[in-house]
Amino acid sequence: MPIVTVQQGPRSVELKRELVARITDAFVDAYKIPADTVQVWINETPADSWGSAGTLTADK
């Protein structure tokens, strides 16, 4: 059973639904497995809790 972990900043529920559906479809197509065997875990980090190039994402 594939488990996909997505790490990202906050997104709307609608966008997350679409992402989970597309990731699931990709595994079903590529691996020829049932959709109910694919799990997608979304870890969201607030913009004030991560950064890049020395700057918090919230400050950009």
PDB file of N, CA and C in Angstrom:
ATOM      1  N   MET A   1       0.836  -1.171   0.000  1.00  0.00           N
ATOM      2  CA  MET A   1       0.000   0.000   0.000  1.00  0.00           C
ATOM      3  C   MET A   1       0.882   1.235   0.000  1.00  0.00           C
ATOM      4  N   PRO A   2       0.814   2.067  -1.032  1.00  0.00           N
ATOM      5  CA  PRO A   2       1.598   3.290  -1.063  1.00  0.00           C
ATOM      6  C   PRO A   2       1.060   4.320  -0.073  1.00  0.00           C
ATOM      7  N   ILE A   3       1.986   4.990   0.592  1.00  0.00           N
ATOM      8  CA  ILE A   3       1.657   6.117   1.456  1.00  0.00           C
ATOM      9  C   ILE A   3       2.469   7.302   0.952  1.00  0.00           C
ATOM     10  N   VAL A   4       1.786   8.354   0.541  1.00  0.00           N
ATOM     11  CA  VAL A   4       2.429   9.550   0.017  1.00  0.00           C
ATOM     12  C   VAL A   4       2.305  10.642   1.068  1.00  0.00           C
ATOM     13  N   THR A   5       3.411  11.287   1.405  1.00  0.00           N
ATOM     14  CA  THR A   5       3.390  12.399   2.352  1.00  0.00           C
ATOM     15  C   THR A   5       3.677  13.690   1.603  1.00  0.00           C
ATOM     16  N   VAL A   6       2.804  14.663   1.783  1.00  0.00           N
ATOM     17  CA  VAL A   6       2.948  15.974   1.164  1.00  0.00           C
ATOM     18  C   VAL A   6       3.201  16.976   2.280  1.00  0.00           C
ATOM     19  N   GLN A   7       4.283  17.727   2.169  1.00  0.00           N
ATOM     20  CA  GLN A   7       4.566  18.794   3.120  1.00  0.00           C
ATOM     21  C   GLN A   7       4.387  20.110   2.386  1.00  0.00           C
ATOM     22  N   GLN A   8       3.571  20.985   2.970  1.00  0.00           N
ATOM     23  CA  GLN A   8       3.248  22.232   2.276  1.00  0.00           C
ATOM     24  C   GLN A   8       2.759  23.264   3.264  1.00  0.00           C
ATOM     25  N   GLY A   9       2.606  24.484   2.762  1.00  0.00           N
ATOM     26  CA  GLY A   9       1.941  25.521   3.522  1.00  0.00           C
ATOM     27  C   GLY A   9       0.443  25.306   3.452  1.00  0.00           C
ATOM     28  N   PRO A  10      -0.305  26.033   4.246  1.00  0.00           N
ATOM     29  CA  PRO A  10      -1.762  25.863   4.276  1.00  0.00           C
ATOM     30  C   PRO A  10      -2.413  26.097   2.909  1.00  0.00           C
ATOM     31  N   ARG A  11      -3.362  25.244   2.598  1.00  0.00           N
ATOM     32  CA  ARG A  11      -4.156  25.342   1.369  1.00  0.00           C
ATOM     33  C   ARG A  11      -5.619  25.103   1.739  1.00  0.00           C
ATOM     34  N   SER A  12      -6.536  25.464   0.857  1.00  0.00           N
ATOM     35  CA  SER A  12      -7.961  25.257   1.109  1.00  0.00           C
ATOM     36  C   SER A  12      -8.300  23.767   1.036  1.00  0.00           C
ATOM     37  N   VAL A  13      -9.412  23.420   1.648  1.00  0.00           N
ATOM     38  CA  VAL A  13      -9.877  22.030   1.608  1.00  0.00           C
ATOM     39  C   VAL A  13     -10.134  21.603   0.169  1.00  0.00           C
ATOM     40  N   GLU A  14     -10.667  22.500  -0.647  1.00  0.00           N
ATOM     41  CA  GLU A  14     -10.947  22.161  -2.045  1.00  0.00           C
ATOM     42  C   GLU A  14      -9.672  21.782  -2.800  1.00  0.00           C
ATOM     43  N   LEU A  15      -8.599  22.562  -2.586  1.00  0.00           N
ATOM     44  CA  LEU A  15      -7.331  22.247  -3.251  1.00  0.00           C
ATOM     45  C   LEU A  15      -6.757  20.932  -2.755  1.00  0.00           C
ATOM     46  N   LYS A  16      -6.891  20.662  -1.462  1.00  0.00           N
ATOM     47  CA  LYS A  16      -6.379  19.406  -0.917  1.00  0.00           C
ATOM     48  C   LYS A  16      -7.170  18.218  -1.448  1.00  0.00           C
ATOM     49  N   ARG A  17      -8.465  18.369  -1.600  1.00  0.00           N
ATOM     50  CA  ARG A  17      -9.266  17.285  -2.192  1.00  0.00           C
ATOM     51  C   ARG A  17      -8.775  16.960  -3.601  1.00  0.00           C
ATOM     52  N   GLU A  18      -8.559  18.004  -4.383  1.00  0.00           N
ATOM     53  CA  GLU A  18      -8.085  17.816  -5.760  1.00  0.00           C
ATOM     54  C   GLU A  18      -6.714  17.151  -5.781  1.00  0.00           C
ATOM     55  N   LEU A  19      -5.820  17.581  -4.910  1.00  0.00           N
ATOM     56  CA  LEU A  19      -4.484  16.996  -4.848  1.00  0.00           C
ATOM     57  C   LEU A  19      -4.540  15.522  -4.501  1.00  0.00           C
ATOM     58  N   VAL A  20      -5.325  15.178  -3.476  1.00  0.00           N
ATOM     59  CA  VAL A  20      -5.443  13.774  -3.061  1.00  0.00           C
ATOM     60  C   VAL A  20      -6.010  12.923  -4.199  1.00  0.00           C
ATOM     61  N   ALA A  21      -7.006  13.432  -4.892  1.00  0.00           N
ATOM     62  CA  ALA A  21      -7.586  12.691  -6.011  1.00  0.00           C
ATOM     63  C   ALA A  21      -6.571  12.465  -7.126  1.00  0.00           C
ATOM     64  N   ARG A  22      -5.806  13.495  -7.457  1.00  0.00           N
ATOM     65  CA  ARG A  22      -4.838  13.368  -8.549  1.00  0.00           C
ATOM     66  C   ARG A  22      -3.667  12.444  -8.185  1.00  0.00           C
ATOM     67  N   ILE A  23      -3.207  12.543  -6.950  1.00  0.00           N
ATOM     68  CA  ILE A  23      -2.127  11.645  -6.518  1.00  0.00           C
ATOM     69  C   ILE A  23      -2.617  10.204  -6.535  1.00  0.00           C
ATOM     70  N   THR A  24      -3.823   9.985  -6.026  1.00  0.00           N
ATOM     71  CA  THR A  24      -4.386   8.636  -6.026  1.00  0.00           C
ATOM     72  C   THR A  24      -4.507   8.102  -7.452  1.00  0.00           C
ATOM     73  N   ASP A  25      -5.040   8.908  -8.357  1.00  0.00           N
ATOM     74  CA  ASP A  25      -5.169   8.495  -9.757  1.00  0.00           C
ATOM     75  C   ASP A  25      -3.825   8.146 -10.372  1.00  0.00           C
ATOM     76  N   ALA A  26      -2.787   8.908 -10.034  1.00  0.00           N
ATOM     77  CA  ALA A  26      -1.452   8.646 -10.587  1.00  0.00           C
ATOM     78  C   ALA A  26      -0.952   7.268 -10.147  1.00  0.00           C
ATOM     79  N   PHE A  27      -1.152   6.919  -8.885  1.00  0.00           N
ATOM     80  CA  PHE A  27      -0.718   5.600  -8.415  1.00  0.00           C
ATOM     81  C   PHE A  27      -1.555   4.486  -9.006  1.00  0.00           C
ATOM     82  N   VAL A  28      -2.857   4.707  -9.133  1.00  0.00           N
ATOM     83  CA  VAL A  28      -3.726   3.705  -9.755  1.00  0.00           C
ATOM     84  C   VAL A  28      -3.281   3.445 -11.191  1.00  0.00           C
ATOM     85  N   ASP A  29      -2.996   4.512 -11.929  1.00  0.00           N
ATOM     86  CA  ASP A  29      -2.560   4.371 -13.328  1.00  0.00           C
ATOM     87  C   ASP A  29      -1.183   3.726 -13.443  1.00  0.00           C
ATOM     88  N   ALA A  30      -0.230   4.181 -12.631  1.00  0.00           N
ATOM     89  CA  ALA A  30       1.153   3.714 -12.756  1.00  0.00           C
ATOM     90  C   ALA A  30       1.348   2.302 -12.214  1.00  0.00           C
ATOM     91  N   TYR A  31       0.729   2.006 -11.083  1.00  0.00           N
ATOM     92  CA  TYR A  31       0.966   0.724 -10.409  1.00  0.00           C
ATOM     93  C   TYR A  31      -0.134  -0.296 -10.645  1.00  0.00           C
ATOM     94  N   LYS A  32      -1.219   0.132 -11.285  1.00  0.00           N
ATOM     95  CA  LYS A  32      -2.360  -0.769 -11.545  1.00  0.00           C
ATOM     96  C   LYS A  32      -2.873  -1.378 -10.247  1.00  0.00           C
ATOM     97  N   ILE A  33      -3.129  -0.506  -9.258  1.00  0.00           N
ATOM     98  CA  ILE A  33      -3.610  -0.943  -7.950  1.00  0.00           C
ATOM     99  C   ILE A  33      -4.958  -0.285  -7.665  1.00  0.00           C
ATOM    100  N   PRO A  34      -5.727  -0.855  -6.743  1.00  0.00           N
ATOM    101  CA  PRO A  34      -7.003  -0.226  -6.397  1.00  0.00           C
ATOM    102  C   PRO A  34      -6.793   1.103  -5.663  1.00  0.00           C
ATOM    103  N   ALA A  35      -7.678   2.041  -5.907  1.00  0.00           N
ATOM    104  CA  ALA A  35      -7.573   3.360  -5.279  1.00  0.00           C
ATOM    105  C   ALA A  35      -7.617   3.274  -3.757  1.00  0.00           C
ATOM    106  N   ASP A  36      -8.346   2.300  -3.225  1.00  0.00           N
ATOM    107  CA  ASP A  36      -8.462   2.226  -1.770  1.00  0.00           C
ATOM    108  C   ASP A  36      -7.200   1.744  -1.072  1.00  0.00           C
ATOM    109  N   THR A  37      -6.164   1.426  -1.847  1.00  0.00           N
ATOM    110  CA  THR A  37      -4.884   1.042  -1.233  1.00  0.00           C
ATOM    111  C   THR A  37      -3.909   2.219  -1.137  1.00  0.00           C
ATOM    112  N   VAL A  38      -4.282   3.358  -1.690  1.00  0.00           N
ATOM    113  CA  VAL A  38      -3.407   4.536  -1.702  1.00  0.00           C
ATOM    114  C   VAL A  38      -3.796   5.471  -0.553  1.00  0.00           C
ATOM    115  N   GLN A  39      -2.799   5.863   0.233  1.00  0.00           N
ATOM    116  CA  GLN A  39      -3.025   6.833   1.302  1.00  0.00           C
ATOM    117  C   GLN A  39      -2.197   8.078   1.011  1.00  0.00           C
ATOM    118  N   VAL A  40      -2.789   9.242   1.268  1.00  0.00           N
ATOM    119  CA  VAL A  40      -2.091  10.510   1.103  1.00  0.00           C
ATOM    120  C   VAL A  40      -2.195  11.257   2.425  1.00  0.00           C
ATOM    121  N   TRP A  41      -1.054  11.602   2.983  1.00  0.00           N
ATOM    122  CA  TRP A  41      -0.993  12.349   4.235  1.00  0.00           C
ATOM    123  C   TRP A  41      -0.502  13.748   3.912  1.00  0.00           C
ATOM    124  N   ILE A  42      -1.208  14.745   4.374  1.00  0.00           N
ATOM    125  CA  ILE A  42      -0.831  16.137   4.132  1.00  0.00           C
ATOM    126  C   ILE A  42      -0.412  16.763   5.458  1.00  0.00           C
ATOM    127  N   ASN A  43       0.827  17.213   5.501  1.00  0.00           N
ATOM    128  CA  ASN A  43       1.351  17.935   6.661  1.00  0.00           C
ATOM    129  C   ASN A  43       1.466  19.399   6.275  1.00  0.00           C
ATOM    130  N   GLU A  44       0.711  20.246   6.958  1.00  0.00           N
ATOM    131  CA  GLU A  44       0.748  21.671   6.661  1.00  0.00           C
ATOM    132  C   GLU A  44       1.514  22.414   7.749  1.00  0.00           C
ATOM    133  N   THR A  45       2.367  23.304   7.303  1.00  0.00           N
ATOM    134  CA  THR A  45       3.166  24.121   8.210  1.00  0.00           C
ATOM    135  C   THR A  45       2.790  25.581   7.986  1.00  0.00           C
ATOM    136  N   PRO A  46       2.457  26.301   9.044  1.00  0.00           N
ATOM    137  CA  PRO A  46       2.118  27.716   8.884  1.00  0.00           C
ATOM    138  C   PRO A  46       3.297  28.510   8.306  1.00  0.00           C
ATOM    139  N   ALA A  47       2.978  29.567   7.594  1.00  0.00           N
ATOM    140  CA  ALA A  47       4.005  30.383   6.942  1.00  0.00           C
ATOM    141  C   ALA A  47       4.985  31.000   7.939  1.00  0.00           C
ATOM    142  N   ASP A  48       4.582  31.141   9.206  1.00  0.00           N
ATOM    143  CA  ASP A  48       5.507  31.701  10.198  1.00  0.00           C
ATOM    144  C   ASP A  48       6.365  30.626  10.867  1.00  0.00           C
ATOM    145  N   SER A  49       6.261  29.389  10.371  1.00  0.00           N
ATOM    146  CA  SER A  49       7.038  28.287  10.951  1.00  0.00           C
ATOM    147  C   SER A  49       8.018  27.660   9.975  1.00  0.00           C
ATOM    148  N   TRP A  50       8.247  28.274   8.818  1.00  0.00           N
ATOM    149  CA  TRP A  50       9.252  27.789   7.883  1.00  0.00           C
ATOM    150  C   TRP A  50       9.744  28.949   7.028  1.00  0.00           C
ATOM    151  N   GLY A  51      10.885  28.758   6.455  1.00  0.00           N
ATOM    152  CA  GLY A  51      11.462  29.800   5.629  1.00  0.00           C
ATOM    153  C   GLY A  51      12.470  29.249   4.654  1.00  0.00           C
ATOM    154  N   SER A  52      12.961  30.122   3.809  1.00  0.00           N
ATOM    155  CA  SER A  52      14.021  29.760   2.866  1.00  0.00           C
ATOM    156  C   SER A  52      14.874  30.998   2.616  1.00  0.00           C
ATOM    157  N   ALA A  53      16.119  30.753   2.273  1.00  0.00           N
ATOM    158  CA  ALA A  53      17.070  31.829   1.989  1.00  0.00           C
ATOM    159  C   ALA A  53      17.153  32.823   3.143  1.00  0.00           C
ATOM    160  N   GLY A  54      16.997  32.326   4.363  1.00  0.00           N
ATOM    161  CA  GLY A  54      17.160  33.166   5.542  1.00  0.00           C
ATOM    162  C   GLY A  54      15.963  34.031   5.906  1.00  0.00           C
ATOM    163  N   THR A  55      14.827  33.806   5.244  1.00  0.00           N
ATOM    164  CA  THR A  55      13.648  34.635   5.491  1.00  0.00           C
ATOM    165  C   THR A  55      12.434  33.743   5.753  1.00  0.00           C
ATOM    166  N   LEU A  56      11.650  34.103   6.765  1.00  0.00           N
ATOM    167  CA  LEU A  56      10.396  33.392   6.993  1.00  0.00           C
ATOM    168  C   LEU A  56       9.469  33.582   5.802  1.00  0.00           C
ATOM    169  N   THR A  57       8.754  32.552   5.460  1.00  0.00           N
ATOM    170  CA  THR A  57       7.792  32.643   4.355  1.00  0.00           C
ATOM    171  C   THR A  57       6.738  33.706   4.655  1.00  0.00           C
ATOM    172  N   ALA A  58       6.352  33.844   5.915  1.00  0.00           N
ATOM    173  CA  ALA A  58       5.360  34.854   6.296  1.00  0.00           C
ATOM    174  C   ALA A  58       5.836  36.268   6.004  1.00  0.00           C
ATOM    175  N   ASP A  59       7.140  36.480   5.934  1.00  0.00           N
ATOM    176  CA  ASP A  59       7.693  37.812   5.694  1.00  0.00           C
ATOM    177  C   ASP A  59       7.860  38.132   4.225  1.00  0.00           C
ATOM    178  N   LYS A  60       7.585  37.219   3.358  1.00  0.00           N
ATOM    179  CA  LYS A  60       7.762  37.456   1.920  1.00  0.00           C
ATOM    180  C   LYS A  60       6.558  38.123   1.327  1.00  0.00           C
TER     181      LYS A  60
END
